[in-house]
Amino acid sequence: AHRFDEEGEKMQIDPAAYLEDWWTLVDEVLEKTYPLGDGSGRRMQIKLVGCDSGGKAGVTTKAYQFWRALRDDEEGRQHHLRFQLVKGDPSPKAPTYRRDYPDSHRKDRHSGARGDVPVVFLQSNTLKDQVSGMLGRTEAAGGMVNFPIWYDEKGKQEDINWLYMQLTAEIRTDKGWEAPSGKRNEAWDLLYYCMGLCRDPRIALDRIDWTKPPLWAAEWDQNVLVFAANDNRPFTRPSAKKSLDDLGALLA
């Protein structure tokens, strides 16, 4: 999925110009699995991947093209069901979560919109207020942010600080959350995207009954996202005939 120069070195990814660069997301994100911590050798796949549909000129068009390519994948992996394009919406009257299809009659003829690609619009200020409160909690009950163990893997102080610097890059004003010029805030945006996608019907975290959770959130022995290390089941071509039960398990 990588492009290489004449000397065989990997070229820098350019999502605005090269659709082929987007396929890196299949190998390194969508099909990535994680080992369970019980020493069994079992692994867990990802339930849902969110991806910012915006960026510099050209990114949105390529993002839509990539989603369509996932949908039309000849290998039948159906990754489009687990890949969700996301866009922030700071409008005060916007709903916290809205899944829609961009209008095919937009004036911007270069947008790549045809009304066939689902995009989730997230009310950025509301969700950032929620995330800000979670960052201030020190008790797990009620919602607390757990920092990943890999963020300081390089071990240098400047590397350790990058996460905290990005999470505190923006300030709350009367107009909403704003980032001072020049400050990077990717980790902050990704965190509120994550909280927003928890409202997605495929997750619906706030509506889960933990006494009888959906199979994707069940204990490991019953979890449909867990598989043996030598089992290629998660990403194989689906059979030609699918029952309603099969479809329900796929979408659950």
C-alpha atoms as a PDB file:
ATOM      1  CA  ALA A   1       0.000   0.000   0.000  1.00  0.00           C
ATOM      2  CA  HIS A   2       3.056   2.253   0.092  1.00  0.00           C
ATOM      3  CA  ARG A   3       4.604   4.238  -2.730  1.00  0.00           C
ATOM      4  CA  PHE A   4       8.388   4.014  -3.128  1.00  0.00           C
ATOM      5  CA  ASP A   5      10.920   6.297  -4.763  1.00  0.00           C
ATOM      6  CA  GLU A   6      13.622   5.229  -7.227  1.00  0.00           C
ATOM      7  CA  GLU A   7      15.885   4.158  -4.370  1.00  0.00           C
ATOM      8  CA  GLY A   8      13.215   1.944  -2.832  1.00  0.00           C
ATOM      9  CA  GLU A   9      12.498   4.254   0.086  1.00  0.00           C
ATOM     10  CA  LYS A  10       8.939   4.834   1.239  1.00  0.00           C
ATOM     11  CA  MET A  11       7.552   8.140   0.010  1.00  0.00           C
ATOM     12  CA  GLN A  12       5.677  10.492   2.299  1.00  0.00           C
ATOM     13  CA  ILE A  13       1.952   9.805   2.399  1.00  0.00           C
ATOM     14  CA  ASP A  14      -0.097  12.450   0.586  1.00  0.00           C
ATOM     15  CA  PRO A  15      -3.823  11.828   1.174  1.00  0.00           C
ATOM     16  CA  ALA A  16      -4.834  14.861  -0.872  1.00  0.00           C
ATOM     17  CA  ALA A  17      -3.130  13.694  -4.051  1.00  0.00           C
ATOM     18  CA  TYR A  18      -2.875   9.885  -4.017  1.00  0.00           C
ATOM     19  CA  LEU A  19      -5.857   7.603  -3.499  1.00  0.00           C
ATOM     20  CA  GLU A  20      -3.461   4.661  -3.264  1.00  0.00           C
ATOM     21  CA  ASP A  21      -2.001   6.169  -0.083  1.00  0.00           C
ATOM     22  CA  TRP A  22      -5.356   5.685   1.631  1.00  0.00           C
ATOM     23  CA  TRP A  23      -5.027   1.914   1.325  1.00  0.00           C
ATOM     24  CA  THR A  24      -2.370   2.085   4.032  1.00  0.00           C
ATOM     25  CA  LEU A  25      -5.341   2.387   6.385  1.00  0.00           C
ATOM     26  CA  VAL A  26      -6.456  -1.136   5.483  1.00  0.00           C
ATOM     27  CA  ASP A  27      -3.203  -2.838   6.499  1.00  0.00           C
ATOM     28  CA  GLU A  28      -2.246  -0.583   9.395  1.00  0.00           C
ATOM     29  CA  VAL A  29      -5.654   0.258  10.881  1.00  0.00           C
ATOM     30  CA  LEU A  30      -8.742  -1.578   9.602  1.00  0.00           C
ATOM     31  CA  GLU A  31      -7.143  -5.024   9.599  1.00  0.00           C
ATOM     32  CA  LYS A  32      -4.973  -4.445  12.630  1.00  0.00           C
ATOM     33  CA  THR A  33      -5.699  -6.753  15.568  1.00  0.00           C
ATOM     34  CA  TYR A  34      -4.590  -6.697  19.175  1.00  0.00           C
ATOM     35  CA  PRO A  35      -3.524  -9.569  21.458  1.00  0.00           C
ATOM     36  CA  LEU A  36      -5.628 -10.265  24.531  1.00  0.00           C
ATOM     37  CA  GLY A  37      -3.891  -9.927  27.867  1.00  0.00           C
ATOM     38  CA  ASP A  38      -4.657 -13.465  28.997  1.00  0.00           C
ATOM     39  CA  GLY A  39      -1.750 -15.243  27.293  1.00  0.00           C
ATOM     40  CA  SER A  40      -4.139 -17.338  25.178  1.00  0.00           C
ATOM     41  CA  GLY A  41      -2.805 -16.092  21.857  1.00  0.00           C
ATOM     42  CA  ARG A  42      -6.255 -14.842  20.918  1.00  0.00           C
ATOM     43  CA  ARG A  43      -6.623 -11.460  19.266  1.00  0.00           C
ATOM     44  CA  MET A  44      -9.323  -8.820  18.910  1.00  0.00           C
ATOM     45  CA  GLN A  45     -10.212  -6.853  15.809  1.00  0.00           C
ATOM     46  CA  ILE A  46     -11.466  -3.266  15.646  1.00  0.00           C
ATOM     47  CA  LYS A  47     -15.182  -2.536  15.865  1.00  0.00           C
ATOM     48  CA  LEU A  48     -15.281   0.902  14.198  1.00  0.00           C
ATOM     49  CA  VAL A  49     -12.729   3.298  12.700  1.00  0.00           C
ATOM     50  CA  GLY A  50     -13.350   7.031  12.464  1.00  0.00           C
ATOM     51  CA  CYS A  51     -11.486   9.181   9.939  1.00  0.00           C
ATOM     52  CA  ASP A  52     -11.522  12.960   9.536  1.00  0.00           C
ATOM     53  CA  SER A  53     -12.987  13.717   6.105  1.00  0.00           C
ATOM     54  CA  GLY A  54     -11.411  17.174   5.971  1.00  0.00           C
ATOM     55  CA  GLY A  55      -7.929  18.574   5.561  1.00  0.00           C
ATOM     56  CA  LYS A  56      -6.076  20.438   2.884  1.00  0.00           C
ATOM     57  CA  ALA A  57      -7.613  20.823  -0.556  1.00  0.00           C
ATOM     58  CA  GLY A  58      -8.212  17.443  -2.156  1.00  0.00           C
ATOM     59  CA  VAL A  59      -8.487  15.354   1.004  1.00  0.00           C
ATOM     60  CA  THR A  60     -12.291  15.284   1.133  1.00  0.00           C
ATOM     61  CA  THR A  61     -12.592  14.073  -2.449  1.00  0.00           C
ATOM     62  CA  LYS A  62     -10.064  11.309  -1.832  1.00  0.00           C
ATOM     63  CA  ALA A  63     -11.805  10.373   1.434  1.00  0.00           C
ATOM     64  CA  TYR A  64     -15.092   9.833  -0.404  1.00  0.00           C
ATOM     65  CA  GLN A  65     -13.346   7.887  -3.153  1.00  0.00           C
ATOM     66  CA  PHE A  66     -11.676   5.652  -0.592  1.00  0.00           C
ATOM     67  CA  TRP A  67     -14.976   4.874   1.173  1.00  0.00           C
ATOM     68  CA  ARG A  68     -16.487   3.918  -2.192  1.00  0.00           C
ATOM     69  CA  ALA A  69     -13.473   1.733  -2.943  1.00  0.00           C
ATOM     70  CA  LEU A  70     -13.967  -0.068   0.378  1.00  0.00           C
ATOM     71  CA  ARG A  71     -17.642  -0.559  -0.435  1.00  0.00           C
ATOM     72  CA  ASP A  72     -16.826  -1.949  -3.876  1.00  0.00           C
ATOM     73  CA  ASP A  73     -13.901  -4.087  -2.684  1.00  0.00           C
ATOM     74  CA  GLU A  74     -13.698  -7.166  -4.933  1.00  0.00           C
ATOM     75  CA  GLU A  75     -12.385  -9.251  -2.028  1.00  0.00           C
ATOM     76  CA  GLY A  76     -15.664  -8.727  -0.197  1.00  0.00           C
ATOM     77  CA  ARG A  77     -14.115  -7.672   3.105  1.00  0.00           C
ATOM     78  CA  GLN A  78     -16.880  -5.087   3.719  1.00  0.00           C
ATOM     79  CA  HIS A  79     -14.534  -2.698   5.487  1.00  0.00           C
ATOM     80  CA  HIS A  80     -16.846   0.185   4.583  1.00  0.00           C
ATOM     81  CA  LEU A  81     -19.181  -1.048   7.340  1.00  0.00           C
ATOM     82  CA  ARG A  82     -16.427  -0.331   9.896  1.00  0.00           C
ATOM     83  CA  PHE A  83     -14.962   2.842   8.349  1.00  0.00           C
ATOM     84  CA  GLN A  84     -16.741   6.076   9.212  1.00  0.00           C
ATOM     85  CA  LEU A  85     -15.838   9.494   7.825  1.00  0.00           C
ATOM     86  CA  VAL A  86     -16.190  12.263  10.409  1.00  0.00           C
ATOM     87  CA  LYS A  87     -16.478  16.046  10.257  1.00  0.00           C
ATOM     88  CA  GLY A  88     -16.647  18.557  13.095  1.00  0.00           C
ATOM     89  CA  ASP A  89     -19.530  21.054  13.218  1.00  0.00           C
ATOM     90  CA  PRO A  90     -19.138  24.028  15.604  1.00  0.00           C
ATOM     91  CA  SER A  91     -22.630  25.410  14.925  1.00  0.00           C
ATOM     92  CA  PRO A  92     -24.364  25.992  18.313  1.00  0.00           C
ATOM     93  CA  LYS A  93     -27.676  24.619  17.019  1.00  0.00           C
ATOM     94  CA  ALA A  94     -26.178  21.482  15.480  1.00  0.00           C
ATOM     95  CA  PRO A  95     -27.036  18.128  17.084  1.00  0.00           C
ATOM     96  CA  THR A  96     -24.229  16.435  18.974  1.00  0.00           C
ATOM     97  CA  TYR A  97     -24.256  13.526  16.512  1.00  0.00           C
ATOM     98  CA  ARG A  98     -25.693  13.476  12.998  1.00  0.00           C
ATOM     99  CA  ARG A  99     -25.055  10.883  10.291  1.00  0.00           C
ATOM    100  CA  ASP A 100     -25.899  12.229   6.863  1.00  0.00           C
ATOM    101  CA  TYR A 101     -25.102  12.001   3.149  1.00  0.00           C
ATOM    102  CA  PRO A 102     -23.551  15.134   1.624  1.00  0.00           C
ATOM    103  CA  ASP A 103     -25.821  16.737  -0.950  1.00  0.00           C
ATOM    104  CA  SER A 104     -24.930  15.713  -4.483  1.00  0.00           C
ATOM    105  CA  HIS A 105     -25.879  19.214  -5.681  1.00  0.00           C
ATOM    106  CA  ARG A 106     -23.286  21.112  -3.676  1.00  0.00           C
ATOM    107  CA  LYS A 107     -21.906  24.157  -5.441  1.00  0.00           C
ATOM    108  CA  ASP A 108     -18.375  22.850  -4.953  1.00  0.00           C
ATOM    109  CA  ARG A 109     -18.165  20.520  -7.934  1.00  0.00           C
ATOM    110  CA  HIS A 110     -14.773  19.265  -6.706  1.00  0.00           C
ATOM    111  CA  SER A 111     -16.147  18.050  -3.369  1.00  0.00           C
ATOM    112  CA  GLY A 112     -16.634  14.479  -4.601  1.00  0.00           C
ATOM    113  CA  ALA A 113     -20.118  14.351  -3.080  1.00  0.00           C
ATOM    114  CA  ARG A 114     -22.803  12.282  -4.821  1.00  0.00           C
ATOM    115  CA  GLY A 115     -25.102  11.676  -1.893  1.00  0.00           C
ATOM    116  CA  ASP A 116     -23.888   8.085  -1.484  1.00  0.00           C
ATOM    117  CA  VAL A 117     -21.151   8.419   1.167  1.00  0.00           C
ATOM    118  CA  PRO A 118     -22.223   8.537   4.845  1.00  0.00           C
ATOM    119  CA  VAL A 119     -20.505  11.225   6.911  1.00  0.00           C
ATOM    120  CA  VAL A 120     -20.915  11.765  10.650  1.00  0.00           C
ATOM    121  CA  PHE A 121     -21.154  15.395  11.742  1.00  0.00           C
ATOM    122  CA  LEU A 122     -20.154  16.019  15.367  1.00  0.00           C
ATOM    123  CA  GLN A 123     -20.972  19.170  17.326  1.00  0.00           C
ATOM    124  CA  SER A 124     -17.434  20.030  18.327  1.00  0.00           C
ATOM    125  CA  ASN A 125     -18.054  22.443  21.202  1.00  0.00           C
ATOM    126  CA  THR A 126     -20.499  20.188  23.043  1.00  0.00           C
ATOM    127  CA  LEU A 127     -18.243  17.158  22.746  1.00  0.00           C
ATOM    128  CA  LYS A 128     -15.105  19.111  23.655  1.00  0.00           C
ATOM    129  CA  ASP A 129     -16.860  20.366  26.794  1.00  0.00           C
ATOM    130  CA  GLN A 130     -17.608  16.736  27.676  1.00  0.00           C
ATOM    131  CA  VAL A 131     -14.045  15.602  26.994  1.00  0.00           C
ATOM    132  CA  SER A 132     -12.596  18.512  28.957  1.00  0.00           C
ATOM    133  CA  GLY A 133     -14.599  17.405  31.986  1.00  0.00           C
ATOM    134  CA  MET A 134     -13.427  13.822  31.556  1.00  0.00           C
ATOM    135  CA  LEU A 135      -9.783  14.936  31.440  1.00  0.00           C
ATOM    136  CA  GLY A 136     -10.294  16.568  34.828  1.00  0.00           C
ATOM    137  CA  ARG A 137     -11.543  13.371  36.490  1.00  0.00           C
ATOM    138  CA  THR A 138      -9.346  11.113  38.588  1.00  0.00           C
ATOM    139  CA  GLU A 139     -11.966   8.416  39.253  1.00  0.00           C
ATOM    140  CA  ALA A 140     -12.891   5.865  36.624  1.00  0.00           C
ATOM    141  CA  ALA A 141     -16.563   5.791  37.609  1.00  0.00           C
ATOM    142  CA  GLY A 142     -18.459   8.416  35.639  1.00  0.00           C
ATOM    143  CA  GLY A 143     -15.970   8.683  32.801  1.00  0.00           C
ATOM    144  CA  MET A 144     -12.217   9.249  32.965  1.00  0.00           C
ATOM    145  CA  VAL A 145      -9.571   9.397  30.246  1.00  0.00           C
ATOM    146  CA  ASN A 146      -6.945   6.665  30.445  1.00  0.00           C
ATOM    147  CA  PHE A 147      -3.730   7.646  28.692  1.00  0.00           C
ATOM    148  CA  PRO A 148      -2.237   5.016  26.349  1.00  0.00           C
ATOM    149  CA  ILE A 149       0.959   3.273  27.366  1.00  0.00           C
ATOM    150  CA  TRP A 150       2.561   3.872  23.968  1.00  0.00           C
ATOM    151  CA  TYR A 151       2.548   7.682  24.016  1.00  0.00           C
ATOM    152  CA  ASP A 152       5.974   7.895  25.712  1.00  0.00           C
ATOM    153  CA  GLU A 153       7.565   4.920  23.999  1.00  0.00           C
ATOM    154  CA  LYS A 154      10.508   6.940  22.709  1.00  0.00           C
ATOM    155  CA  GLY A 155      11.421   7.882  26.248  1.00  0.00           C
ATOM    156  CA  LYS A 156      12.585  11.452  25.628  1.00  0.00           C
ATOM    157  CA  GLN A 157      10.947  14.241  27.610  1.00  0.00           C
ATOM    158  CA  GLU A 158       9.941  16.176  24.489  1.00  0.00           C
ATOM    159  CA  ASP A 159       8.279  13.033  23.135  1.00  0.00           C
ATOM    160  CA  ILE A 160       6.443  12.408  26.410  1.00  0.00           C
ATOM    161  CA  ASN A 161       5.021  15.924  26.456  1.00  0.00           C
ATOM    162  CA  TRP A 162       3.553  15.934  22.948  1.00  0.00           C
ATOM    163  CA  LEU A 163       0.286  14.271  23.965  1.00  0.00           C
ATOM    164  CA  TYR A 164      -0.414  16.645  26.850  1.00  0.00           C
ATOM    165  CA  MET A 165       0.524  19.664  24.723  1.00  0.00           C
ATOM    166  CA  GLN A 166      -1.979  18.701  22.025  1.00  0.00           C
ATOM    167  CA  LEU A 167      -4.713  17.850  24.533  1.00  0.00           C
ATOM    168  CA  THR A 168      -4.362  21.327  26.066  1.00  0.00           C
ATOM    169  CA  ALA A 169      -3.798  23.267  22.836  1.00  0.00           C
ATOM    170  CA  GLU A 170      -7.262  24.836  22.726  1.00  0.00           C
ATOM    171  CA  ILE A 171      -8.961  27.254  25.103  1.00  0.00           C
ATOM    172  CA  ARG A 172     -12.677  27.727  25.826  1.00  0.00           C
ATOM    173  CA  THR A 173     -14.052  31.148  24.888  1.00  0.00           C
ATOM    174  CA  ASP A 174     -17.560  32.583  24.641  1.00  0.00           C
ATOM    175  CA  LYS A 175     -17.485  31.596  20.972  1.00  0.00           C
ATOM    176  CA  GLY A 176     -16.439  28.012  21.679  1.00  0.00           C
ATOM    177  CA  TRP A 177     -13.166  26.106  21.704  1.00  0.00           C
ATOM    178  CA  GLU A 178     -10.351  27.831  19.810  1.00  0.00           C
ATOM    179  CA  ALA A 179      -6.742  26.904  19.102  1.00  0.00           C
ATOM    180  CA  PRO A 180      -4.120  29.673  19.222  1.00  0.00           C
ATOM    181  CA  SER A 181      -2.287  29.980  15.942  1.00  0.00           C
ATOM    182  CA  GLY A 182       0.519  27.490  15.467  1.00  0.00           C
ATOM    183  CA  LYS A 183      -0.496  25.029  18.165  1.00  0.00           C
ATOM    184  CA  ARG A 184      -1.084  21.436  17.096  1.00  0.00           C
ATOM    185  CA  ASN A 185      -4.296  19.905  18.398  1.00  0.00           C
ATOM    186  CA  GLU A 186      -4.667  16.579  16.570  1.00  0.00           C
ATOM    187  CA  ALA A 187      -4.848  14.499  19.766  1.00  0.00           C
ATOM    188  CA  TRP A 188      -7.571  16.796  21.138  1.00  0.00           C
ATOM    189  CA  ASP A 189      -9.633  16.469  17.955  1.00  0.00           C
ATOM    190  CA  LEU A 190      -9.196  12.704  17.848  1.00  0.00           C
ATOM    191  CA  LEU A 191     -10.328  12.404  21.460  1.00  0.00           C
ATOM    192  CA  TYR A 192     -13.577  14.259  20.862  1.00  0.00           C
ATOM    193  CA  TYR A 193     -14.117  12.326  17.617  1.00  0.00           C
ATOM    194  CA  CYS A 194     -13.807   9.140  19.657  1.00  0.00           C
ATOM    195  CA  MET A 195     -16.399  10.312  22.166  1.00  0.00           C
ATOM    196  CA  GLY A 196     -18.688  11.394  19.352  1.00  0.00           C
ATOM    197  CA  LEU A 197     -18.476   8.016  17.637  1.00  0.00           C
ATOM    198  CA  CYS A 198     -19.495   6.366  20.904  1.00  0.00           C
ATOM    199  CA  ARG A 199     -22.942   7.767  20.017  1.00  0.00           C
ATOM    200  CA  ASP A 200     -22.921   5.968  16.685  1.00  0.00           C
ATOM    201  CA  PRO A 201     -25.724   3.342  16.493  1.00  0.00           C
ATOM    202  CA  ARG A 202     -23.054   0.703  15.878  1.00  0.00           C
ATOM    203  CA  ILE A 203     -21.623   1.534  19.321  1.00  0.00           C
ATOM    204  CA  ALA A 204     -24.409   3.309  21.283  1.00  0.00           C
ATOM    205  CA  LEU A 205     -22.247   3.217  24.404  1.00  0.00           C
ATOM    206  CA  ASP A 206     -24.704   5.175  26.517  1.00  0.00           C
ATOM    207  CA  ARG A 207     -27.479   2.653  25.807  1.00  0.00           C
ATOM    208  CA  ILE A 208     -25.627  -0.603  26.488  1.00  0.00           C
ATOM    209  CA  ASP A 209     -27.156  -2.828  29.143  1.00  0.00           C
ATOM    210  CA  TRP A 210     -24.023  -4.339  30.671  1.00  0.00           C
ATOM    211  CA  THR A 211     -26.003  -7.224  32.169  1.00  0.00           C
ATOM    212  CA  LYS A 212     -26.613  -8.410  28.586  1.00  0.00           C
ATOM    213  CA  PRO A 213     -24.227  -6.481  26.311  1.00  0.00           C
ATOM    214  CA  PRO A 214     -24.128  -6.867  22.516  1.00  0.00           C
ATOM    215  CA  LEU A 215     -21.826  -9.652  21.358  1.00  0.00           C
ATOM    216  CA  TRP A 216     -19.089  -7.254  20.258  1.00  0.00           C
ATOM    217  CA  ALA A 217     -18.897  -5.910  23.848  1.00  0.00           C
ATOM    218  CA  ALA A 218     -19.327  -9.250  25.631  1.00  0.00           C
ATOM    219  CA  GLU A 219     -16.728 -11.084  27.717  1.00  0.00           C
ATOM    220  CA  TRP A 220     -13.849 -12.412  25.639  1.00  0.00           C
ATOM    221  CA  ASP A 221     -15.090 -16.006  25.486  1.00  0.00           C
ATOM    222  CA  GLN A 222     -18.339 -14.844  23.847  1.00  0.00           C
ATOM    223  CA  ASN A 223     -17.067 -11.763  22.004  1.00  0.00           C
ATOM    224  CA  VAL A 224     -17.528 -11.869  18.206  1.00  0.00           C
ATOM    225  CA  LEU A 225     -14.493  -9.612  17.696  1.00  0.00           C
ATOM    226  CA  VAL A 226     -12.168 -12.118  19.392  1.00  0.00           C
ATOM    227  CA  PHE A 227     -10.563 -14.902  17.361  1.00  0.00           C
ATOM    228  CA  ALA A 228      -7.748 -17.419  17.566  1.00  0.00           C
ATOM    229  CA  ALA A 229      -4.370 -16.294  16.248  1.00  0.00           C
ATOM    230  CA  ASN A 230      -4.448 -18.861  13.421  1.00  0.00           C
ATOM    231  CA  ASP A 231      -8.001 -17.923  12.375  1.00  0.00           C
ATOM    232  CA  ASN A 232      -8.335 -15.591   9.376  1.00  0.00           C
ATOM    233  CA  ARG A 233     -12.100 -15.346   9.872  1.00  0.00           C
ATOM    234  CA  PRO A 234     -12.365 -11.570  10.469  1.00  0.00           C
ATOM    235  CA  PHE A 235     -11.382 -10.477   6.977  1.00  0.00           C
ATOM    236  CA  THR A 236     -12.301 -13.363   4.688  1.00  0.00           C
ATOM    237  CA  ARG A 237     -14.795 -13.041   1.888  1.00  0.00           C
ATOM    238  CA  PRO A 238     -18.328 -13.578   3.225  1.00  0.00           C
ATOM    239  CA  SER A 239     -20.304 -16.539   1.909  1.00  0.00           C
ATOM    240  CA  ALA A 240     -22.713 -15.943  -0.955  1.00  0.00           C
ATOM    241  CA  LYS A 241     -25.768 -16.697   1.191  1.00  0.00           C
ATOM    242  CA  LYS A 242     -26.258 -14.851   4.447  1.00  0.00           C
ATOM    243  CA  SER A 243     -29.073 -15.368   6.915  1.00  0.00           C
ATOM    244  CA  LEU A 244     -30.747 -12.545   8.818  1.00  0.00           C
ATOM    245  CA  ASP A 245     -28.923 -13.738  11.923  1.00  0.00           C
ATOM    246  CA  ASP A 246     -25.598 -13.413  10.101  1.00  0.00           C
ATOM    247  CA  LEU A 247     -26.463  -9.885   9.000  1.00  0.00           C
ATOM    248  CA  GLY A 248     -27.487  -8.943  12.515  1.00  0.00           C
ATOM    249  CA  ALA A 249     -24.210 -10.237  13.943  1.00  0.00           C
ATOM    250  CA  LEU A 250     -22.257  -8.273  11.326  1.00  0.00           C
ATOM    251  CA  LEU A 251     -24.025  -5.001  12.081  1.00  0.00           C
ATOM    252  CA  ALA A 252     -24.297  -5.494  15.863  1.00  0.00           C
END
